[in-house]
Full PDB file with SEQRES, HELIX, SHEET, SSBOND, CRYST1, ORIGX, SCALE, CONECT and MASTER records, all heavy atoms in Angstrom:
SEQRES   1 A   39  GLY GLY VAL VAL VAL LEU ALA LYS THR SER LYS ALA LEU          
SEQRES   2 A   39  ALA ARG LEU ASN GLU MET PHE ARG ARG GLY ASP VAL HIS          
SEQRES   3 A   39  LYS ARG TYR TRP ALA ILE THR ARG GLY VAL PRO PRO GLN          
HELIX    1 AA1 SER A   10  ARG A   22  1                                  13    
CRYST1    1.000    1.000    1.000  90.00  90.00  90.00 P 1           1          
ORIGX1      1.000000  0.000000  0.000000        0.00000                         
ORIGX2      0.000000  1.000000  0.000000        0.00000                         
ORIGX3      0.000000  0.000000  1.000000        0.00000                         
SCALE1      1.000000  0.000000  0.000000        0.00000                         
SCALE2      0.000000  1.000000  0.000000        0.00000                         
SCALE3      0.000000  0.000000  1.000000        0.00000                         
ATOM      1  N   GLY A   1      13.396 -61.853 -54.743  1.00  0.00           N  
ATOM      2  CA  GLY A   1      12.219 -61.234 -55.304  1.00  0.00           C  
ATOM      3  C   GLY A   1      11.722 -60.087 -54.467  1.00  0.00           C  
ATOM      4  O   GLY A   1      12.237 -59.836 -53.333  1.00  0.00           O  
ATOM      5  N   GLY A   2      10.724 -59.334 -54.899  1.00  0.00           N  
ATOM      6  CA  GLY A   2      10.137 -58.298 -54.163  1.00  0.00           C  
ATOM      7  C   GLY A   2      10.108 -56.920 -54.797  1.00  0.00           C  
ATOM      8  O   GLY A   2      10.261 -56.758 -56.020  1.00  0.00           O  
ATOM      9  N   VAL A   3      10.018 -55.923 -54.008  1.00  0.00           N  
ATOM     10  CA  VAL A   3       9.748 -54.549 -54.413  1.00  0.00           C  
ATOM     11  C   VAL A   3      10.948 -53.918 -55.098  1.00  0.00           C  
ATOM     12  O   VAL A   3      12.084 -53.898 -54.568  1.00  0.00           O  
ATOM     13  CB  VAL A   3       9.399 -53.659 -53.137  1.00  0.00           C  
ATOM     14  CG1 VAL A   3       9.137 -52.202 -53.575  1.00  0.00           C  
ATOM     15  CG2 VAL A   3       8.157 -54.192 -52.486  1.00  0.00           C  
ATOM     16  N   VAL A   4      10.669 -53.386 -56.335  1.00  0.00           N  
ATOM     17  CA  VAL A   4      11.668 -52.607 -57.029  1.00  0.00           C  
ATOM     18  C   VAL A   4      11.010 -51.293 -57.511  1.00  0.00           C  
ATOM     19  O   VAL A   4       9.917 -51.403 -58.125  1.00  0.00           O  
ATOM     20  CB  VAL A   4      12.194 -53.394 -58.218  1.00  0.00           C  
ATOM     21  CG1 VAL A   4      13.114 -52.521 -59.076  1.00  0.00           C  
ATOM     22  CG2 VAL A   4      13.008 -54.604 -57.792  1.00  0.00           C  
ATOM     23  N   VAL A   5      11.715 -50.183 -57.293  1.00  0.00           N  
ATOM     24  CA  VAL A   5      11.181 -48.932 -57.733  1.00  0.00           C  
ATOM     25  C   VAL A   5      11.893 -48.537 -58.983  1.00  0.00           C  
ATOM     26  O   VAL A   5      13.110 -48.560 -59.035  1.00  0.00           O  
ATOM     27  CB  VAL A   5      11.426 -47.819 -56.678  1.00  0.00           C  
ATOM     28  CG1 VAL A   5      10.853 -46.448 -57.138  1.00  0.00           C  
ATOM     29  CG2 VAL A   5      10.749 -48.213 -55.353  1.00  0.00           C  
ATOM     30  N   LEU A   6      11.185 -48.120 -60.056  1.00  0.00           N  
ATOM     31  CA  LEU A   6      11.821 -47.653 -61.313  1.00  0.00           C  
ATOM     32  C   LEU A   6      11.231 -46.284 -61.602  1.00  0.00           C  
ATOM     33  O   LEU A   6      10.067 -46.019 -61.201  1.00  0.00           O  
ATOM     34  CB  LEU A   6      11.455 -48.621 -62.411  1.00  0.00           C  
ATOM     35  CG  LEU A   6      11.966 -50.072 -62.261  1.00  0.00           C  
ATOM     36  CD1 LEU A   6      11.220 -50.988 -63.089  1.00  0.00           C  
ATOM     37  CD2 LEU A   6      13.420 -50.094 -62.576  1.00  0.00           C  
ATOM     38  N   ALA A   7      11.989 -45.445 -62.211  1.00  0.00           N  
ATOM     39  CA  ALA A   7      11.583 -44.123 -62.642  1.00  0.00           C  
ATOM     40  C   ALA A   7      11.071 -44.083 -64.031  1.00  0.00           C  
ATOM     41  O   ALA A   7      11.618 -44.689 -64.935  1.00  0.00           O  
ATOM     42  CB  ALA A   7      12.764 -43.148 -62.474  1.00  0.00           C  
ATOM     43  N   LYS A   8      10.027 -43.310 -64.200  1.00  0.00           N  
ATOM     44  CA  LYS A   8       9.409 -43.108 -65.537  1.00  0.00           C  
ATOM     45  C   LYS A   8       9.886 -41.773 -66.115  1.00  0.00           C  
ATOM     46  O   LYS A   8       9.574 -41.524 -67.384  1.00  0.00           O  
ATOM     47  CB  LYS A   8       7.823 -43.157 -65.473  1.00  0.00           C  
ATOM     48  CG  LYS A   8       7.373 -44.524 -65.045  1.00  0.00           C  
ATOM     49  CD  LYS A   8       5.862 -44.464 -64.793  1.00  0.00           C  
ATOM     50  CE  LYS A   8       4.994 -44.126 -65.944  1.00  0.00           C  
ATOM     51  NZ  LYS A   8       3.594 -44.094 -65.644  1.00  0.00           N  
ATOM     52  N   THR A   9      10.513 -40.932 -65.380  1.00  0.00           N  
ATOM     53  CA  THR A   9      11.027 -39.652 -65.930  1.00  0.00           C  
ATOM     54  C   THR A   9      12.451 -39.511 -65.466  1.00  0.00           C  
ATOM     55  O   THR A   9      12.852 -39.983 -64.373  1.00  0.00           O  
ATOM     56  CB  THR A   9      10.162 -38.460 -65.441  1.00  0.00           C  
ATOM     57  OG1 THR A   9      10.237 -38.346 -63.988  1.00  0.00           O  
ATOM     58  CG2 THR A   9       8.684 -38.690 -65.850  1.00  0.00           C  
ATOM     59  N   SER A  10      13.190 -38.660 -66.105  1.00  0.00           N  
ATOM     60  CA  SER A  10      14.582 -38.342 -65.709  1.00  0.00           C  
ATOM     61  C   SER A  10      14.634 -37.545 -64.483  1.00  0.00           C  
ATOM     62  O   SER A  10      15.603 -37.716 -63.640  1.00  0.00           O  
ATOM     63  CB  SER A  10      15.299 -37.642 -66.894  1.00  0.00           C  
ATOM     64  OG  SER A  10      14.633 -36.500 -67.253  1.00  0.00           O  
ATOM     65  N   LYS A  11      13.662 -36.611 -64.291  1.00  0.00           N  
ATOM     66  CA  LYS A  11      13.546 -35.831 -63.051  1.00  0.00           C  
ATOM     67  C   LYS A  11      13.480 -36.864 -61.804  1.00  0.00           C  
ATOM     68  O   LYS A  11      14.167 -36.696 -60.841  1.00  0.00           O  
ATOM     69  CB  LYS A  11      12.381 -34.936 -63.035  1.00  0.00           C  
ATOM     70  CG  LYS A  11      12.236 -34.113 -61.778  1.00  0.00           C  
ATOM     71  CD  LYS A  11      10.867 -33.405 -61.776  1.00  0.00           C  
ATOM     72  CE  LYS A  11      10.813 -32.285 -62.598  1.00  0.00           C  
ATOM     73  NZ  LYS A  11       9.537 -31.454 -62.417  1.00  0.00           N  
ATOM     74  N   ALA A  12      12.529 -37.770 -61.949  1.00  0.00           N  
ATOM     75  CA  ALA A  12      12.338 -38.701 -60.851  1.00  0.00           C  
ATOM     76  C   ALA A  12      13.550 -39.537 -60.583  1.00  0.00           C  
ATOM     77  O   ALA A  12      13.928 -39.892 -59.467  1.00  0.00           O  
ATOM     78  CB  ALA A  12      11.175 -39.650 -61.123  1.00  0.00           C  
ATOM     79  N   LEU A  13      14.267 -40.023 -61.628  1.00  0.00           N  
ATOM     80  CA  LEU A  13      15.448 -40.816 -61.451  1.00  0.00           C  
ATOM     81  C   LEU A  13      16.508 -40.107 -60.772  1.00  0.00           C  
ATOM     82  O   LEU A  13      17.115 -40.609 -59.890  1.00  0.00           O  
ATOM     83  CB  LEU A  13      15.925 -41.303 -62.920  1.00  0.00           C  
ATOM     84  CG  LEU A  13      17.174 -42.152 -62.827  1.00  0.00           C  
ATOM     85  CD1 LEU A  13      16.916 -43.462 -62.107  1.00  0.00           C  
ATOM     86  CD2 LEU A  13      17.670 -42.455 -64.261  1.00  0.00           C  
ATOM     87  N   ALA A  14      16.775 -38.864 -61.192  1.00  0.00           N  
ATOM     88  CA  ALA A  14      17.840 -38.131 -60.588  1.00  0.00           C  
ATOM     89  C   ALA A  14      17.580 -37.916 -59.041  1.00  0.00           C  
ATOM     90  O   ALA A  14      18.448 -38.040 -58.226  1.00  0.00           O  
ATOM     91  CB  ALA A  14      18.032 -36.761 -61.272  1.00  0.00           C  
ATOM     92  N   ARG A  15      16.319 -37.645 -58.689  1.00  0.00           N  
ATOM     93  CA  ARG A  15      15.988 -37.470 -57.269  1.00  0.00           C  
ATOM     94  C   ARG A  15      16.010 -38.733 -56.555  1.00  0.00           C  
ATOM     95  O   ARG A  15      16.414 -38.758 -55.389  1.00  0.00           O  
ATOM     96  CB  ARG A  15      14.652 -36.736 -57.252  1.00  0.00           C  
ATOM     97  CG  ARG A  15      14.649 -35.303 -57.758  1.00  0.00           C  
ATOM     98  CD  ARG A  15      13.280 -34.626 -57.665  1.00  0.00           C  
ATOM     99  NE  ARG A  15      13.385 -33.229 -58.304  1.00  0.00           N  
ATOM    100  CZ  ARG A  15      12.331 -32.400 -58.351  1.00  0.00           C  
ATOM    101  NH1 ARG A  15      11.219 -32.791 -57.786  1.00  0.00           N  
ATOM    102  NH2 ARG A  15      12.482 -31.234 -58.892  1.00  0.00           N  
ATOM    103  N   LEU A  16      15.565 -39.797 -57.160  1.00  0.00           N  
ATOM    104  CA  LEU A  16      15.553 -41.088 -56.446  1.00  0.00           C  
ATOM    105  C   LEU A  16      17.012 -41.516 -56.204  1.00  0.00           C  
ATOM    106  O   LEU A  16      17.291 -42.008 -55.147  1.00  0.00           O  
ATOM    107  CB  LEU A  16      14.904 -42.188 -57.323  1.00  0.00           C  
ATOM    108  CG  LEU A  16      13.320 -42.238 -57.275  1.00  0.00           C  
ATOM    109  CD1 LEU A  16      12.816 -43.205 -58.305  1.00  0.00           C  
ATOM    110  CD2 LEU A  16      12.874 -42.655 -55.848  1.00  0.00           C  
ATOM    111  N   ASN A  17      17.853 -41.346 -57.209  1.00  0.00           N  
ATOM    112  CA  ASN A  17      19.330 -41.640 -56.995  1.00  0.00           C  
ATOM    113  C   ASN A  17      19.871 -40.928 -55.766  1.00  0.00           C  
ATOM    114  O   ASN A  17      20.593 -41.560 -54.975  1.00  0.00           O  
ATOM    115  CB  ASN A  17      20.109 -41.318 -58.248  1.00  0.00           C  
ATOM    116  CG  ASN A  17      19.903 -42.279 -59.399  1.00  0.00           C  
ATOM    117  OD1 ASN A  17      19.572 -43.406 -59.187  1.00  0.00           O  
ATOM    118  ND2 ASN A  17      20.136 -41.859 -60.625  1.00  0.00           N  
ATOM    119  N   GLU A  18      19.551 -39.723 -55.691  1.00  0.00           N  
ATOM    120  CA  GLU A  18      20.067 -38.936 -54.515  1.00  0.00           C  
ATOM    121  C   GLU A  18      19.450 -39.390 -53.239  1.00  0.00           C  
ATOM    122  O   GLU A  18      20.069 -39.480 -52.212  1.00  0.00           O  
ATOM    123  CB  GLU A  18      19.789 -37.413 -54.732  1.00  0.00           C  
ATOM    124  CG  GLU A  18      20.186 -36.523 -53.598  1.00  0.00           C  
ATOM    125  CD  GLU A  18      21.772 -36.522 -53.463  1.00  0.00           C  
ATOM    126  OE1 GLU A  18      22.486 -36.989 -54.323  1.00  0.00           O  
ATOM    127  OE2 GLU A  18      22.197 -36.059 -52.318  1.00  0.00           O  
ATOM    128  N   MET A  19      18.130 -39.745 -53.190  1.00  0.00           N  
ATOM    129  CA  MET A  19      17.490 -40.248 -52.049  1.00  0.00           C  
ATOM    130  C   MET A  19      18.137 -41.546 -51.511  1.00  0.00           C  
ATOM    131  O   MET A  19      18.287 -41.760 -50.410  1.00  0.00           O  
ATOM    132  CB  MET A  19      15.955 -40.444 -52.295  1.00  0.00           C  
ATOM    133  CG  MET A  19      15.228 -39.093 -52.385  1.00  0.00           C  
ATOM    134  SD  MET A  19      13.576 -39.330 -53.169  1.00  0.00           S  
ATOM    135  CE  MET A  19      12.807 -40.256 -51.910  1.00  0.00           C  
ATOM    136  N   PHE A  20      18.334 -42.526 -52.439  1.00  0.00           N  
ATOM    137  CA  PHE A  20      18.968 -43.742 -52.121  1.00  0.00           C  
ATOM    138  C   PHE A  20      20.395 -43.456 -51.567  1.00  0.00           C  
ATOM    139  O   PHE A  20      20.771 -44.141 -50.628  1.00  0.00           O  
ATOM    140  CB  PHE A  20      19.051 -44.687 -53.385  1.00  0.00           C  
ATOM    141  CG  PHE A  20      17.822 -45.444 -53.517  1.00  0.00           C  
ATOM    142  CD1 PHE A  20      16.868 -45.070 -54.455  1.00  0.00           C  
ATOM    143  CD2 PHE A  20      17.561 -46.639 -52.794  1.00  0.00           C  
ATOM    144  CE1 PHE A  20      15.661 -45.911 -54.619  1.00  0.00           C  
ATOM    145  CE2 PHE A  20      16.450 -47.402 -52.971  1.00  0.00           C  
ATOM    146  CZ  PHE A  20      15.488 -47.032 -53.908  1.00  0.00           C  
ATOM    147  N   ARG A  21      21.142 -42.548 -52.215  1.00  0.00           N  
ATOM    148  CA  ARG A  21      22.490 -42.179 -51.724  1.00  0.00           C  
ATOM    149  C   ARG A  21      22.486 -41.664 -50.311  1.00  0.00           C  
ATOM    150  O   ARG A  21      23.334 -42.060 -49.473  1.00  0.00           O  
ATOM    151  CB  ARG A  21      23.153 -41.246 -52.719  1.00  0.00           C  
ATOM    152  CG  ARG A  21      24.579 -41.020 -52.450  1.00  0.00           C  
ATOM    153  CD  ARG A  21      25.146 -39.839 -53.205  1.00  0.00           C  
ATOM    154  NE  ARG A  21      24.553 -38.591 -52.788  1.00  0.00           N  
ATOM    155  CZ  ARG A  21      24.978 -37.846 -51.699  1.00  0.00           C  
ATOM    156  NH1 ARG A  21      25.952 -38.433 -50.945  1.00  0.00           N  
ATOM    157  NH2 ARG A  21      24.436 -36.783 -51.385  1.00  0.00           N  
ATOM    158  N   ARG A  22      21.480 -40.897 -49.978  1.00  0.00           N  
ATOM    159  CA  ARG A  22      21.396 -40.280 -48.639  1.00  0.00           C  
ATOM    160  C   ARG A  22      20.834 -41.200 -47.564  1.00  0.00           C  
ATOM    161  O   ARG A  22      20.850 -40.863 -46.455  1.00  0.00           O  
ATOM    162  CB  ARG A  22      20.528 -38.944 -48.694  1.00  0.00           C  
ATOM    163  CG  ARG A  22      21.175 -37.827 -49.485  1.00  0.00           C  
ATOM    164  CD  ARG A  22      20.406 -36.524 -49.064  1.00  0.00           C  
ATOM    165  NE  ARG A  22      18.967 -36.669 -49.191  1.00  0.00           N  
ATOM    166  CZ  ARG A  22      18.211 -36.215 -50.190  1.00  0.00           C  
ATOM    167  NH1 ARG A  22      18.828 -35.573 -51.238  1.00  0.00           N  
ATOM    168  NH2 ARG A  22      16.953 -36.362 -50.258  1.00  0.00           N  
ATOM    169  N   GLY A  23      20.211 -42.300 -48.076  1.00  0.00           N  
ATOM    170  CA  GLY A  23      19.543 -43.193 -47.045  1.00  0.00           C  
ATOM    171  C   GLY A  23      18.099 -42.748 -46.805  1.00  0.00           C  
ATOM    172  O   GLY A  23      17.631 -43.124 -45.674  1.00  0.00           O  
ATOM    173  N   ASP A  24      17.489 -42.064 -47.640  1.00  0.00           N  
ATOM    174  CA  ASP A  24      16.158 -41.500 -47.363  1.00  0.00           C  
ATOM    175  C   ASP A  24      15.065 -42.475 -47.842  1.00  0.00           C  
ATOM    176  O   ASP A  24      13.880 -42.206 -47.637  1.00  0.00           O  
ATOM    177  CB  ASP A  24      15.881 -40.167 -48.078  1.00  0.00           C  
ATOM    178  CG  ASP A  24      16.714 -39.104 -47.514  1.00  0.00           C  
ATOM    179  OD1 ASP A  24      17.165 -39.196 -46.377  1.00  0.00           O  
ATOM    180  OD2 ASP A  24      17.006 -38.102 -48.313  1.00  0.00           O  
ATOM    181  N   VAL A  25      15.495 -43.637 -48.392  1.00  0.00           N  
ATOM    182  CA  VAL A  25      14.531 -44.677 -48.787  1.00  0.00           C  
ATOM    183  C   VAL A  25      14.683 -45.793 -47.772  1.00  0.00           C  
ATOM    184  O   VAL A  25      15.725 -46.356 -47.603  1.00  0.00           O  
ATOM    185  CB  VAL A  25      14.813 -45.138 -50.194  1.00  0.00           C  
ATOM    186  CG1 VAL A  25      13.813 -46.210 -50.581  1.00  0.00           C  
ATOM    187  CG2 VAL A  25      14.773 -44.067 -51.215  1.00  0.00           C  
ATOM    188  N   HIS A  26      13.608 -46.205 -47.150  1.00  0.00           N  
ATOM    189  CA  HIS A  26      13.663 -47.167 -46.056  1.00  0.00           C  
ATOM    190  C   HIS A  26      13.063 -48.553 -46.603  1.00  0.00           C  
ATOM    191  O   HIS A  26      11.952 -48.603 -47.052  1.00  0.00           O  
ATOM    192  CB  HIS A  26      12.867 -46.664 -44.873  1.00  0.00           C  
ATOM    193  CG  HIS A  26      13.302 -45.292 -44.411  1.00  0.00           C  
ATOM    194  ND1 HIS A  26      14.429 -45.114 -43.681  1.00  0.00           N  
ATOM    195  CD2 HIS A  26      12.708 -44.162 -44.573  1.00  0.00           C  
ATOM    196  CE1 HIS A  26      14.547 -43.842 -43.435  1.00  0.00           C  
ATOM    197  NE2 HIS A  26      13.544 -43.200 -43.955  1.00  0.00           N  
ATOM    198  N   LYS A  27      13.908 -49.548 -46.490  1.00  0.00           N  
ATOM    199  CA  LYS A  27      13.597 -50.873 -47.031  1.00  0.00           C  
ATOM    200  C   LYS A  27      13.593 -51.925 -45.888  1.00  0.00           C  
ATOM    201  O   LYS A  27      14.488 -51.911 -45.034  1.00  0.00           O  
ATOM    202  CB  LYS A  27      14.585 -51.277 -48.111  1.00  0.00           C  
ATOM    203  CG  LYS A  27      14.557 -50.395 -49.297  1.00  0.00           C  
ATOM    204  CD  LYS A  27      15.631 -50.794 -50.324  1.00  0.00           C  
ATOM    205  CE  LYS A  27      17.001 -50.377 -49.865  1.00  0.00           C  
ATOM    206  NZ  LYS A  27      18.042 -50.688 -50.911  1.00  0.00           N  
ATOM    207  N   ARG A  28      12.623 -52.829 -45.995  1.00  0.00           N  
ATOM    208  CA  ARG A  28      12.565 -53.972 -45.044  1.00  0.00           C  
ATOM    209  C   ARG A  28      12.486 -55.226 -45.894  1.00  0.00           C  
ATOM    210  O   ARG A  28      11.866 -55.234 -46.913  1.00  0.00           O  
ATOM    211  CB  ARG A  28      11.365 -53.900 -44.114  1.00  0.00           C  
ATOM    212  CG  ARG A  28      11.465 -52.788 -43.052  1.00  0.00           C  
ATOM    213  CD  ARG A  28      10.320 -52.743 -42.061  1.00  0.00           C  
ATOM    214  NE  ARG A  28      10.324 -51.681 -41.235  1.00  0.00           N  
ATOM    215  CZ  ARG A  28      11.008 -51.573 -40.037  1.00  0.00           C  
ATOM    216  NH1 ARG A  28      11.806 -52.585 -39.639  1.00  0.00           N  
ATOM    217  NH2 ARG A  28      10.978 -50.499 -39.401  1.00  0.00           N  
ATOM    218  N   TYR A  29      13.217 -56.230 -45.430  1.00  0.00           N  
ATOM    219  CA  TYR A  29      13.230 -57.531 -46.111  1.00  0.00           C  
ATOM    220  C   TYR A  29      12.696 -58.596 -45.131  1.00  0.00           C  
ATOM    221  O   TYR A  29      12.857 -58.471 -43.946  1.00  0.00           O  
ATOM    222  CB  TYR A  29      14.680 -57.818 -46.524  1.00  0.00           C  
ATOM    223  CG  TYR A  29      15.254 -56.978 -47.582  1.00  0.00           C  
ATOM    224  CD1 TYR A  29      15.644 -55.701 -47.289  1.00  0.00           C  
ATOM    225  CD2 TYR A  29      15.470 -57.460 -48.896  1.00  0.00           C  
ATOM    226  CE1 TYR A  29      16.288 -54.869 -48.267  1.00  0.00           C  
ATOM    227  CE2 TYR A  29      16.020 -56.601 -49.847  1.00  0.00           C  
ATOM    228  CZ  TYR A  29      16.404 -55.281 -49.524  1.00  0.00           C  
ATOM    229  OH  TYR A  29      16.945 -54.480 -50.477  1.00  0.00           O  
ATOM    230  N   TRP A  30      12.159 -59.688 -45.724  1.00  0.00           N  
ATOM    231  CA  TRP A  30      11.901 -60.891 -44.967  1.00  0.00           C  
ATOM    232  C   TRP A  30      12.884 -61.983 -45.518  1.00  0.00           C  
ATOM    233  O   TRP A  30      13.055 -62.127 -46.728  1.00  0.00           O  
ATOM    234  CB  TRP A  30      10.492 -61.292 -45.167  1.00  0.00           C  
ATOM    235  CG  TRP A  30       9.481 -60.575 -44.269  1.00  0.00           C  
ATOM    236  CD1 TRP A  30       9.738 -59.408 -43.523  1.00  0.00           C  
ATOM    237  CD2 TRP A  30       8.163 -60.876 -44.129  1.00  0.00           C  
ATOM    238  NE1 TRP A  30       8.642 -59.007 -42.911  1.00  0.00           N  
ATOM    239  CE2 TRP A  30       7.591 -59.907 -43.211  1.00  0.00           C  
ATOM    240  CE3 TRP A  30       7.273 -61.956 -44.541  1.00  0.00           C  
ATOM    241  CZ2 TRP A  30       6.243 -59.860 -42.785  1.00  0.00           C  
ATOM    242  CZ3 TRP A  30       5.985 -61.912 -44.131  1.00  0.00           C  
ATOM    243  CH2 TRP A  30       5.464 -60.940 -43.285  1.00  0.00           C  
ATOM    244  N   ALA A  31      13.487 -62.637 -44.564  1.00  0.00           N  
ATOM    245  CA  ALA A  31      14.355 -63.753 -44.946  1.00  0.00           C  
ATOM    246  C   ALA A  31      14.012 -65.032 -44.094  1.00  0.00           C  
ATOM    247  O   ALA A  31      13.903 -65.010 -42.861  1.00  0.00           O  
ATOM    248  CB  ALA A  31      15.796 -63.331 -44.577  1.00  0.00           C  
ATOM    249  N   ILE A  32      13.957 -66.088 -44.828  1.00  0.00           N  
ATOM    250  CA  ILE A  32      13.801 -67.467 -44.169  1.00  0.00           C  
ATOM    251  C   ILE A  32      15.224 -67.984 -43.956  1.00  0.00           C  
ATOM    252  O   ILE A  32      15.915 -68.176 -45.009  1.00  0.00           O  
ATOM    253  CB  ILE A  32      12.981 -68.441 -44.935  1.00  0.00           C  
ATOM    254  CG1 ILE A  32      11.531 -67.862 -45.094  1.00  0.00           C  
ATOM    255  CG2 ILE A  32      12.940 -69.742 -44.289  1.00  0.00           C  
ATOM    256  CD1 ILE A  32      10.611 -68.768 -45.965  1.00  0.00           C  
ATOM    257  N   THR A  33      15.622 -68.195 -42.750  1.00  0.00           N  
ATOM    258  CA  THR A  33      16.947 -68.655 -42.465  1.00  0.00           C  
ATOM    259  C   THR A  33      16.947 -70.033 -41.893  1.00  0.00           C  
ATOM    260  O   THR A  33      16.070 -70.473 -41.081  1.00  0.00           O  
ATOM    261  CB  THR A  33      17.706 -67.750 -41.495  1.00  0.00           C  
ATOM    262  OG1 THR A  33      17.112 -67.748 -40.216  1.00  0.00           O  
ATOM    263  CG2 THR A  33      17.730 -66.284 -42.063  1.00  0.00           C  
ATOM    264  N   ARG A  34      17.990 -70.812 -42.240  1.00  0.00           N  
ATOM    265  CA  ARG A  34      18.267 -72.057 -41.578  1.00  0.00           C  
ATOM    266  C   ARG A  34      19.240 -71.879 -40.445  1.00  0.00           C  
ATOM    267  O   ARG A  34      20.392 -71.407 -40.571  1.00  0.00           O  
ATOM    268  CB  ARG A  34      18.905 -73.084 -42.569  1.00  0.00           C  
ATOM    269  CG  ARG A  34      18.999 -74.555 -42.095  1.00  0.00           C  
ATOM    270  CD  ARG A  34      19.748 -75.390 -43.060  1.00  0.00           C  
ATOM    271  NE  ARG A  34      19.305 -75.332 -44.432  1.00  0.00           N  
ATOM    272  CZ  ARG A  34      18.384 -76.096 -44.898  1.00  0.00           C  
ATOM    273  NH1 ARG A  34      17.736 -77.070 -44.155  1.00  0.00           N  
ATOM    274  NH2 ARG A  34      17.981 -76.021 -46.139  1.00  0.00           N  
ATOM    275  N   GLY A  35      18.847 -72.091 -39.225  1.00  0.00           N  
ATOM    276  CA  GLY A  35      19.611 -71.747 -38.088  1.00  0.00           C  
ATOM    277  C   GLY A  35      18.935 -70.714 -37.142  1.00  0.00           C  
ATOM    278  O   GLY A  35      18.091 -69.993 -37.667  1.00  0.00           O  
ATOM    279  N   VAL A  36      19.345 -70.594 -36.014  1.00  0.00           N  
ATOM    280  CA  VAL A  36      18.769 -69.714 -34.987  1.00  0.00           C  
ATOM    281  C   VAL A  36      19.736 -68.557 -34.678  1.00  0.00           C  
ATOM    282  O   VAL A  36      20.962 -68.804 -34.294  1.00  0.00           O  
ATOM    283  CB  VAL A  36      18.421 -70.425 -33.709  1.00  0.00           C  
ATOM    284  CG1 VAL A  36      17.804 -69.522 -32.702  1.00  0.00           C  
ATOM    285  CG2 VAL A  36      17.541 -71.632 -33.933  1.00  0.00           C  
ATOM    286  N   PRO A  37      19.398 -67.337 -34.867  1.00  0.00           N  
ATOM    287  CA  PRO A  37      20.314 -66.213 -34.524  1.00  0.00           C  
ATOM    288  C   PRO A  37      20.640 -66.166 -33.090  1.00  0.00           C  
ATOM    289  O   PRO A  37      19.901 -66.758 -32.209  1.00  0.00           O  
ATOM    290  CB  PRO A  37      19.418 -64.930 -34.908  1.00  0.00           C  
ATOM    291  CG  PRO A  37      18.034 -65.363 -34.937  1.00  0.00           C  
ATOM    292  CD  PRO A  37      18.080 -66.844 -35.288  1.00  0.00           C  
ATOM    293  N   PRO A  38      21.805 -65.601 -32.685  1.00  0.00           N  
ATOM    294  CA  PRO A  38      22.204 -65.663 -31.273  1.00  0.00           C  
ATOM    295  C   PRO A  38      21.220 -64.932 -30.347  1.00  0.00           C  
ATOM    296  O   PRO A  38      21.135 -65.265 -29.182  1.00  0.00           O  
ATOM    297  CB  PRO A  38      23.561 -64.914 -31.296  1.00  0.00           C  
ATOM    298  CG  PRO A  38      23.627 -64.235 -32.645  1.00  0.00           C  
ATOM    299  CD  PRO A  38      22.745 -64.977 -33.565  1.00  0.00           C  
ATOM    300  N   GLN A  39      20.492 -63.915 -30.839  1.00  0.00           N  
ATOM    301  CA  GLN A  39      19.474 -63.250 -30.112  1.00  0.00           C  
ATOM    302  C   GLN A  39      18.315 -63.190 -31.033  1.00  0.00           C  
ATOM    303  O   GLN A  39      18.350 -63.034 -32.241  1.00  0.00           O  
ATOM    304  CB  GLN A  39      19.917 -61.900 -29.699  1.00  0.00           C  
ATOM    305  CG  GLN A  39      21.223 -61.802 -28.886  1.00  0.00           C  
ATOM    306  CD  GLN A  39      21.098 -62.393 -27.573  1.00  0.00           C  
ATOM    307  OE1 GLN A  39      19.951 -62.358 -26.952  1.00  0.00           O  
ATOM    308  NE2 GLN A  39      22.146 -62.906 -26.926  1.00  0.00           N  
TER     309      GLN A  39                                                      
MASTER        0    0    0    1    0    0    0    6  308    1    0    3          
END                                                                             
């Protein structure tokens, strides 16, 4: 679950696609894990 970005115009979609490809969109996730990470 969580945040999803959708485009309402073709102009926005083309630019968003390029931004995701370049890594210009920054995403953070929260995860509940069973187990303790090494650090």
